[in-house]
N, C-alpha and C. Protein backbone atom coordinates (compact mmCIF):
# COMPACT_ATOMS: atom_id res chain seq x y z
N MET A 1 -191.58 -186.32 -11.21
CA MET A 1 -192.31 -186.15 -9.87
C MET A 1 -193.62 -185.47 -9.54
N SER A 2 -193.84 -185.71 -8.24
CA SER A 2 -195.40 -184.97 -8.33
C SER A 2 -195.04 -184.01 -7.66
N LYS A 3 -196.36 -183.37 -8.19
CA LYS A 3 -196.58 -181.74 -7.64
C LYS A 3 -196.80 -181.75 -6.04
N GLN A 4 -196.28 -180.90 -5.44
CA GLN A 4 -196.29 -180.73 -4.02
C GLN A 4 -198.10 -180.32 -3.75
N ILE A 5 -198.56 -180.33 -3.16
CA ILE A 5 -200.05 -180.28 -2.16
C ILE A 5 -199.81 -179.29 -1.03
N PRO A 6 -200.49 -178.34 -1.39
CA PRO A 6 -199.95 -176.68 -0.14
C PRO A 6 -200.87 -177.93 0.96
N GLN A 7 -200.47 -177.83 2.35
CA GLN A 7 -201.02 -177.85 3.24
C GLN A 7 -201.49 -176.82 4.24
N GLU A 8 -201.71 -175.50 3.97
CA GLU A 8 -202.09 -174.07 4.34
C GLU A 8 -202.74 -173.09 3.29
N LEU A 9 -203.49 -172.79 3.36
CA LEU A 9 -203.98 -171.40 3.05
C LEU A 9 -202.75 -169.92 2.61
N SER A 10 -202.83 -169.65 1.35
CA SER A 10 -202.00 -168.75 1.06
C SER A 10 -202.60 -167.28 1.68
N GLN A 11 -202.12 -166.48 1.55
CA GLN A 11 -202.08 -165.09 2.49
C GLN A 11 -203.78 -164.74 1.39
N GLU A 12 -203.82 -164.43 0.03
CA GLU A 12 -204.41 -164.31 -0.89
C GLU A 12 -205.78 -165.08 -0.71
N GLN A 13 -205.62 -166.00 -0.61
CA GLN A 13 -206.66 -167.18 0.03
C GLN A 13 -207.11 -166.70 1.16
N ILE A 14 -206.63 -166.29 2.03
CA ILE A 14 -206.96 -166.12 3.80
C ILE A 14 -208.09 -164.82 3.26
N ASP A 15 -207.36 -164.14 2.78
CA ASP A 15 -207.82 -162.62 2.69
C ASP A 15 -209.30 -162.87 1.88
N PHE A 16 -209.42 -163.66 1.20
CA PHE A 16 -210.58 -163.90 0.24
C PHE A 16 -211.76 -164.37 1.22
N MET A 17 -211.31 -165.83 2.06
CA MET A 17 -211.96 -166.50 3.03
C MET A 17 -212.60 -165.54 3.74
N ASN A 18 -212.36 -164.71 4.47
CA ASN A 18 -212.22 -163.55 5.94
C ASN A 18 -213.26 -162.72 5.18
N ASP A 19 -213.85 -162.66 3.94
CA ASP A 19 -214.35 -161.70 2.93
C ASP A 19 -215.90 -161.92 2.82
N LYS A 20 -216.17 -163.06 3.73
CA LYS A 20 -217.71 -163.15 3.71
C LYS A 20 -218.49 -163.97 2.61
N PRO A 21 -217.23 -164.78 1.87
CA PRO A 21 -217.83 -165.32 0.64
C PRO A 21 -218.98 -166.66 1.24
N LEU A 22 -219.46 -167.24 -0.14
CA LEU A 22 -220.35 -168.84 -0.05
C LEU A 22 -219.16 -169.74 -0.52
N ILE A 23 -219.43 -170.57 0.73
CA ILE A 23 -218.42 -172.05 1.01
C ILE A 23 -219.30 -172.92 1.02
N LEU A 24 -219.05 -173.89 0.12
CA LEU A 24 -219.41 -175.28 0.02
C LEU A 24 -218.74 -176.08 0.98
N LEU A 25 -219.61 -176.67 1.97
CA LEU A 25 -218.94 -177.59 3.33
C LEU A 25 -219.48 -179.05 2.96
N SER A 26 -218.67 -180.31 2.55
CA SER A 26 -219.14 -181.36 2.82
C SER A 26 -218.64 -182.63 3.73
N THR A 27 -219.61 -183.04 3.52
CA THR A 27 -219.51 -184.36 5.03
C THR A 27 -220.36 -185.24 4.86
N ILE A 28 -219.73 -186.31 5.35
CA ILE A 28 -220.22 -187.49 5.23
C ILE A 28 -221.06 -187.48 6.02
N ASP A 29 -222.72 -187.96 5.46
CA ASP A 29 -223.76 -187.77 6.49
C ASP A 29 -223.92 -189.47 7.40
N ALA A 30 -224.19 -188.49 9.00
CA ALA A 30 -224.06 -190.16 9.68
C ALA A 30 -225.11 -191.33 9.46
N GLU A 31 -225.82 -190.75 8.82
CA GLU A 31 -226.97 -191.66 8.70
C GLU A 31 -226.85 -192.68 7.81
N SER A 32 -227.01 -191.93 6.58
CA SER A 32 -226.83 -192.88 5.09
C SER A 32 -225.05 -192.92 4.79
N ASN A 33 -224.57 -192.49 5.56
CA ASN A 33 -222.90 -193.03 4.91
C ASN A 33 -222.55 -192.33 4.03
N THR A 34 -223.79 -191.09 2.97
CA THR A 34 -223.06 -190.62 1.80
C THR A 34 -223.28 -189.46 2.04
N PRO A 35 -222.45 -188.89 1.14
CA PRO A 35 -222.25 -187.42 0.57
C PRO A 35 -223.21 -186.33 1.40
N ASN A 36 -223.10 -185.53 1.55
CA ASN A 36 -223.78 -183.99 2.09
C ASN A 36 -222.99 -182.86 1.84
N THR A 37 -223.86 -181.56 0.97
CA THR A 37 -223.30 -180.80 0.58
C THR A 37 -224.21 -179.95 1.13
N SER A 38 -223.79 -178.59 2.05
CA SER A 38 -224.41 -177.66 2.71
C SER A 38 -223.65 -176.20 2.25
N ALA A 39 -224.38 -175.41 1.68
CA ALA A 39 -223.87 -173.77 1.36
C ALA A 39 -223.82 -173.05 3.10
N ILE A 40 -222.30 -172.77 3.45
CA ILE A 40 -221.96 -171.83 4.39
C ILE A 40 -221.38 -170.82 4.40
N SER A 41 -221.63 -169.63 5.29
CA SER A 41 -220.90 -168.45 5.24
C SER A 41 -220.54 -167.81 6.53
N TRP A 42 -221.01 -168.45 7.57
CA TRP A 42 -220.00 -168.07 8.61
C TRP A 42 -218.93 -168.74 9.02
N VAL A 43 -217.52 -167.97 8.11
CA VAL A 43 -216.71 -169.10 8.10
C VAL A 43 -215.21 -167.97 7.87
N LYS A 44 -214.40 -168.25 8.31
CA LYS A 44 -213.53 -167.77 8.92
C LYS A 44 -212.06 -168.41 8.62
N ALA A 45 -210.91 -168.12 7.81
CA ALA A 45 -209.66 -168.37 7.97
C ALA A 45 -208.77 -168.43 9.71
N HIS A 46 -208.40 -169.42 10.64
CA HIS A 46 -208.41 -168.62 11.31
C HIS A 46 -206.98 -168.16 11.99
N THR A 47 -205.95 -169.69 11.02
CA THR A 47 -204.48 -169.19 10.81
C THR A 47 -204.57 -170.06 9.04
N PRO A 48 -203.21 -170.08 8.72
CA PRO A 48 -202.95 -170.74 7.19
C PRO A 48 -203.36 -172.24 7.42
N THR A 49 -203.40 -172.70 8.22
CA THR A 49 -203.62 -174.21 8.79
C THR A 49 -204.93 -174.63 9.25
N THR A 50 -205.47 -173.66 9.76
CA THR A 50 -207.28 -173.65 10.33
C THR A 50 -207.96 -172.95 10.00
N ILE A 51 -209.47 -173.31 9.47
CA ILE A 51 -210.58 -172.74 8.86
C ILE A 51 -211.32 -172.85 10.00
N ARG A 52 -212.54 -172.13 10.43
CA ARG A 52 -213.23 -171.84 11.39
C ARG A 52 -215.14 -171.30 11.18
N PHE A 53 -215.84 -172.21 11.66
CA PHE A 53 -217.15 -172.41 10.76
C PHE A 53 -218.29 -172.49 12.01
N ALA A 54 -219.20 -171.47 11.45
CA ALA A 54 -220.70 -172.05 12.44
C ALA A 54 -221.60 -172.51 11.54
N VAL A 55 -222.28 -173.32 12.27
CA VAL A 55 -223.43 -174.10 12.02
C VAL A 55 -224.29 -174.31 13.40
N THR A 56 -225.49 -174.22 12.91
CA THR A 56 -226.90 -174.31 14.34
C THR A 56 -226.08 -175.90 14.65
N ASN A 57 -226.22 -175.87 16.13
CA ASN A 57 -225.83 -176.77 16.64
C ASN A 57 -226.61 -178.36 17.13
N ASN A 58 -227.96 -177.99 16.18
CA ASN A 58 -228.99 -179.37 16.03
C ASN A 58 -228.54 -180.23 14.66
N SER A 59 -228.01 -179.47 13.59
CA SER A 59 -228.01 -179.56 12.19
C SER A 59 -227.17 -180.45 11.50
N ARG A 60 -227.88 -181.08 10.77
CA ARG A 60 -227.14 -182.12 10.29
C ARG A 60 -225.63 -182.07 9.85
N THR A 61 -225.56 -181.08 9.58
CA THR A 61 -224.11 -181.17 9.51
C THR A 61 -223.26 -181.23 10.48
N ALA A 62 -223.68 -180.40 11.33
CA ALA A 62 -222.65 -180.82 13.30
C ALA A 62 -222.96 -181.74 13.23
N ALA A 63 -224.17 -183.06 13.38
CA ALA A 63 -223.97 -184.44 13.57
C ALA A 63 -223.15 -184.98 12.72
N ASN A 64 -223.20 -185.05 11.53
CA ASN A 64 -221.88 -185.13 10.51
C ASN A 64 -220.72 -185.06 10.74
N VAL A 65 -220.42 -184.27 11.28
CA VAL A 65 -219.08 -183.65 11.98
C VAL A 65 -218.82 -184.60 13.19
N LYS A 66 -219.28 -184.39 14.03
CA LYS A 66 -219.61 -185.91 15.36
C LYS A 66 -219.06 -187.17 14.79
N ALA A 67 -220.18 -187.72 13.48
CA ALA A 67 -220.07 -188.89 13.18
C ALA A 67 -218.37 -188.87 12.71
N ASN A 68 -218.28 -188.26 11.80
CA ASN A 68 -217.22 -188.56 10.53
C ASN A 68 -216.68 -186.90 10.58
N PRO A 69 -215.17 -186.93 11.28
CA PRO A 69 -214.47 -185.45 11.13
C PRO A 69 -213.84 -184.87 9.68
N ARG A 70 -213.86 -186.08 8.63
CA ARG A 70 -213.53 -185.91 7.45
C ARG A 70 -214.04 -184.84 6.76
N VAL A 71 -213.80 -183.53 6.38
CA VAL A 71 -214.84 -182.90 5.77
C VAL A 71 -213.67 -182.06 4.31
N SER A 72 -214.51 -181.55 3.62
CA SER A 72 -213.82 -180.84 2.28
C SER A 72 -214.59 -179.42 2.20
N LEU A 73 -213.42 -178.54 2.52
CA LEU A 73 -214.59 -176.98 1.82
C LEU A 73 -214.33 -176.41 0.23
N THR A 74 -215.50 -176.44 -0.23
CA THR A 74 -214.99 -175.40 -1.77
C THR A 74 -215.02 -173.86 -1.45
N MET A 75 -214.15 -174.08 -2.32
CA MET A 75 -214.14 -172.09 -2.13
C MET A 75 -214.04 -171.48 -3.47
N ILE A 76 -214.54 -171.47 -4.42
CA ILE A 76 -214.85 -170.44 -6.09
C ILE A 76 -214.14 -169.08 -5.78
N ALA A 77 -212.92 -169.22 -5.98
CA ALA A 77 -212.30 -167.91 -5.75
C ALA A 77 -210.87 -167.65 -6.64
N LEU A 78 -210.58 -166.21 -7.05
CA LEU A 78 -209.29 -166.11 -7.76
C LEU A 78 -209.27 -166.61 -8.65
N GLY A 79 -210.46 -166.76 -9.26
CA GLY A 79 -210.16 -166.84 -10.84
C GLY A 79 -210.21 -168.82 -11.00
N THR A 80 -210.29 -169.45 -9.97
CA THR A 80 -210.41 -171.18 -9.60
C THR A 80 -211.27 -171.64 -8.75
N VAL A 81 -211.13 -172.92 -8.46
CA VAL A 81 -212.11 -173.55 -7.77
C VAL A 81 -211.17 -174.47 -6.92
N TYR A 82 -211.47 -174.09 -5.34
CA TYR A 82 -210.02 -174.93 -4.41
C TYR A 82 -211.05 -175.67 -3.82
N SER A 83 -210.22 -176.54 -3.42
CA SER A 83 -211.18 -178.06 -2.40
C SER A 83 -210.16 -178.01 -0.88
N ILE A 84 -210.77 -177.56 0.05
CA ILE A 84 -209.68 -177.57 0.96
C ILE A 84 -210.31 -178.90 1.86
N VAL A 85 -209.07 -179.92 1.95
CA VAL A 85 -209.98 -181.25 2.83
C VAL A 85 -209.08 -181.03 4.27
N GLY A 86 -209.86 -181.66 5.29
CA GLY A 86 -209.05 -181.30 6.60
C GLY A 86 -209.70 -182.27 7.46
N GLU A 87 -209.59 -182.29 8.52
CA GLU A 87 -210.22 -182.94 10.02
C GLU A 87 -210.79 -182.07 10.66
N ALA A 88 -212.39 -181.97 10.99
CA ALA A 88 -213.16 -180.72 11.50
C ALA A 88 -213.28 -181.44 13.31
N HIS A 89 -213.41 -180.00 13.80
CA HIS A 89 -213.44 -180.69 15.70
C HIS A 89 -214.50 -179.49 16.03
N ILE A 90 -215.16 -179.91 16.46
CA ILE A 90 -216.56 -179.07 17.33
C ILE A 90 -215.48 -178.38 18.29
N LEU A 91 -215.11 -177.18 18.57
CA LEU A 91 -214.32 -176.54 19.53
C LEU A 91 -215.31 -176.17 20.62
N GLU A 92 -216.64 -176.05 20.39
CA GLU A 92 -217.86 -175.41 21.14
C GLU A 92 -219.14 -175.83 20.81
N ASP A 93 -219.75 -176.56 21.52
CA ASP A 93 -221.43 -177.14 21.06
C ASP A 93 -222.16 -176.10 20.93
N LYS A 94 -222.36 -174.94 21.96
CA LYS A 94 -222.63 -173.93 21.59
C LYS A 94 -221.94 -172.62 21.87
N ILE A 95 -222.07 -172.13 21.22
CA ILE A 95 -221.01 -170.58 21.77
C ILE A 95 -221.90 -169.64 22.50
N GLU A 96 -220.96 -169.35 23.06
CA GLU A 96 -221.38 -168.77 24.27
C GLU A 96 -221.85 -167.49 24.12
N GLY A 97 -222.76 -166.50 24.16
CA GLY A 97 -223.09 -164.81 23.81
C GLY A 97 -223.65 -165.00 23.12
N ILE A 98 -224.22 -165.83 22.20
CA ILE A 98 -225.13 -165.88 20.71
C ILE A 98 -226.54 -166.56 20.95
N ALA A 99 -227.44 -165.64 20.85
CA ALA A 99 -228.75 -166.07 21.00
C ALA A 99 -229.70 -167.81 20.63
N MET A 100 -228.09 -167.87 19.08
CA MET A 100 -228.88 -168.72 18.29
C MET A 100 -228.24 -170.04 18.53
N PRO A 101 -228.42 -170.65 18.96
CA PRO A 101 -227.59 -172.07 19.27
C PRO A 101 -226.50 -172.50 18.05
N LEU A 102 -225.39 -172.29 17.88
CA LEU A 102 -224.64 -172.71 16.92
C LEU A 102 -223.36 -173.19 17.62
N SER A 103 -222.98 -174.08 17.17
CA SER A 103 -221.69 -174.63 17.01
C SER A 103 -220.31 -174.08 16.50
N LYS A 104 -219.45 -174.20 17.11
CA LYS A 104 -218.37 -173.50 16.64
C LYS A 104 -217.29 -174.79 16.16
N ILE A 105 -216.75 -174.97 14.99
CA ILE A 105 -216.09 -175.85 14.44
C ILE A 105 -214.81 -175.27 13.97
N GLU A 106 -214.05 -176.26 14.14
CA GLU A 106 -212.46 -176.04 13.21
C GLU A 106 -212.13 -177.51 12.36
N VAL A 107 -211.26 -176.41 11.11
CA VAL A 107 -211.23 -177.73 10.79
C VAL A 107 -209.23 -177.49 10.32
N ARG A 108 -208.78 -178.46 10.93
CA ARG A 108 -207.28 -178.68 10.56
C ARG A 108 -206.84 -179.08 8.48
N ILE A 109 -206.62 -178.20 8.31
CA ILE A 109 -206.24 -178.53 7.21
C ILE A 109 -205.02 -179.39 6.44
N GLU A 110 -205.61 -180.59 5.90
CA GLU A 110 -204.46 -181.29 5.40
C GLU A 110 -204.53 -181.06 3.71
N GLY A 111 -204.95 -180.24 3.11
CA GLY A 111 -204.80 -180.05 1.89
C GLY A 111 -205.56 -179.68 0.81
N VAL A 112 -205.20 -178.25 0.19
CA VAL A 112 -205.47 -177.25 -0.63
C VAL A 112 -205.34 -177.64 -1.93
N PHE A 113 -206.27 -178.19 -2.52
CA PHE A 113 -206.20 -178.53 -3.99
C PHE A 113 -206.73 -177.27 -5.10
N GLU A 114 -205.95 -177.31 -5.66
CA GLU A 114 -207.05 -176.70 -7.41
C GLU A 114 -207.72 -177.46 -7.80
N SER A 115 -208.94 -177.38 -7.97
CA SER A 115 -209.76 -178.39 -8.63
C SER A 115 -210.41 -177.85 -10.04
N MET A 116 -210.20 -176.70 -10.73
CA MET A 116 -210.91 -176.28 -11.68
C MET A 116 -210.77 -177.21 -12.64
N PHE A 117 -211.76 -177.72 -13.61
CA PHE A 117 -211.31 -177.93 -14.60
C PHE A 117 -210.23 -177.69 -15.91
N TRP A 118 -209.79 -178.05 -16.23
CA TRP A 118 -208.77 -178.01 -17.27
C TRP A 118 -208.86 -176.42 -18.11
N GLY A 119 -208.22 -175.58 -18.75
CA GLY A 119 -208.36 -174.84 -19.78
C GLY A 119 -209.62 -173.80 -19.66
N ALA A 120 -209.84 -173.24 -18.55
CA ALA A 120 -211.05 -172.57 -18.24
C ALA A 120 -210.56 -172.10 -16.80
N ALA A 121 -211.35 -170.62 -16.83
CA ALA A 121 -211.37 -169.68 -15.18
C ALA A 121 -212.37 -169.22 -14.97
N ILE A 122 -212.65 -169.29 -13.73
CA ILE A 122 -214.31 -168.40 -12.96
C ILE A 122 -213.98 -166.78 -13.72
N THR A 123 -214.73 -166.48 -14.00
CA THR A 123 -214.75 -164.57 -14.22
C THR A 123 -215.29 -164.34 -13.35
N GLN A 124 -216.24 -164.72 -12.45
CA GLN A 124 -217.08 -164.24 -11.71
C GLN A 124 -217.36 -165.62 -10.10
N ASN A 125 -217.36 -164.76 -9.10
CA ASN A 125 -217.21 -165.20 -7.97
C ASN A 125 -218.81 -165.21 -7.84
N PRO A 126 -219.23 -166.08 -6.69
CA PRO A 126 -220.49 -166.09 -6.42
C PRO A 126 -220.98 -165.76 -5.84
N ALA A 127 -222.28 -164.57 -5.34
CA ALA A 127 -222.47 -163.82 -4.34
C ALA A 127 -223.75 -163.98 -4.08
N TYR A 128 -224.19 -163.25 -2.97
CA TYR A 128 -225.33 -163.65 -2.35
C TYR A 128 -225.99 -162.26 -1.77
N GLU A 129 -227.24 -162.40 -1.11
CA GLU A 129 -227.50 -161.25 -0.22
C GLU A 129 -228.89 -161.94 0.67
N LYS A 130 -228.60 -161.15 2.11
CA LYS A 130 -229.04 -161.29 3.10
C LYS A 130 -230.26 -161.30 2.93
N THR A 131 -231.75 -161.91 3.27
CA THR A 131 -233.03 -161.50 2.89
C THR A 131 -233.72 -161.37 4.04
N MET A 132 -233.43 -161.73 5.14
CA MET A 132 -234.02 -161.44 6.53
C MET A 132 -233.90 -159.68 7.09
N ASN A 133 -233.97 -159.07 8.23
CA ASN A 133 -233.40 -157.66 8.34
C ASN A 133 -232.41 -157.69 8.21
N ILE A 134 -231.69 -156.89 7.21
CA ILE A 134 -230.89 -156.40 7.39
C ILE A 134 -229.61 -156.27 8.13
N ASP A 135 -230.02 -155.22 9.02
CA ASP A 135 -229.58 -154.83 10.59
C ASP A 135 -229.36 -155.96 11.85
N LYS A 136 -230.10 -156.75 11.82
CA LYS A 136 -230.32 -157.71 12.09
C LYS A 136 -228.91 -158.75 11.73
N ALA A 137 -229.05 -159.12 10.37
CA ALA A 137 -228.04 -160.09 10.06
C ALA A 137 -226.95 -159.46 10.28
N ILE A 138 -226.45 -158.69 9.61
CA ILE A 138 -225.01 -157.93 10.35
C ILE A 138 -224.53 -157.71 11.83
N ALA A 139 -225.69 -157.82 12.46
CA ALA A 139 -225.14 -157.73 14.06
C ALA A 139 -224.94 -159.22 14.47
N LEU A 140 -225.62 -159.97 13.92
CA LEU A 140 -225.74 -161.28 14.13
C LEU A 140 -224.33 -162.08 13.37
N ASP A 141 -223.71 -161.56 11.45
CA ASP A 141 -222.66 -161.83 11.36
C ASP A 141 -221.46 -161.19 12.22
N ASN A 142 -221.70 -159.93 13.01
CA ASN A 142 -220.18 -159.60 13.81
C ASN A 142 -220.12 -160.06 14.80
N GLN A 143 -221.08 -160.98 15.62
CA GLN A 143 -221.10 -161.48 16.86
C GLN A 143 -220.29 -162.98 16.27
N VAL A 144 -220.94 -163.43 15.39
CA VAL A 144 -220.48 -164.82 14.93
C VAL A 144 -218.90 -165.22 14.81
N PHE A 145 -219.00 -164.06 13.48
CA PHE A 145 -217.11 -164.06 13.19
C PHE A 145 -216.33 -163.18 14.37
N ALA A 146 -216.97 -162.92 15.35
CA ALA A 146 -215.61 -162.55 16.31
C ALA A 146 -215.56 -163.90 17.07
N ALA A 147 -216.39 -164.37 17.77
CA ALA A 147 -216.35 -165.67 18.29
C ALA A 147 -215.97 -166.41 17.61
N LEU A 148 -215.57 -166.68 16.32
CA LEU A 148 -215.19 -167.77 15.63
C LEU A 148 -213.81 -167.50 15.45
N LEU A 149 -213.38 -166.14 15.44
CA LEU A 149 -211.57 -165.74 15.87
C LEU A 149 -211.15 -166.11 17.21
N SER A 150 -212.18 -166.12 18.24
CA SER A 150 -211.73 -165.68 19.83
C SER A 150 -211.06 -167.32 19.83
């Protein structure tokens, strides 16, 4: 009997995703039809079955989602690696109230796969730090995260 693939995030995965992690987003390039991976940080689990993220609305990622909504998000968390696959749709081409031209994108989760190689565990989660003005970065983050959850 085959193993059942979860189609939603666990509460532990939601909590991790909502704590500003580094997430890798894979799309199919609209021009070359090849895989394209981007690191994103404006990500929130909206519900157990949906994830929202923001990217610059004129970015390659936004164009890729418009051309092909199939995406995969990679989350290194909780001692392992998760591949979250689904279909992405642009909810807002430009998020209102934010000076930066960002698109709000929602992914409907179709599967959550544990994709860590056998016999190992992640011992440290990826970390990053903002290199711009920290006060401005925090203010922008707060605006974007609030918009993603509304």
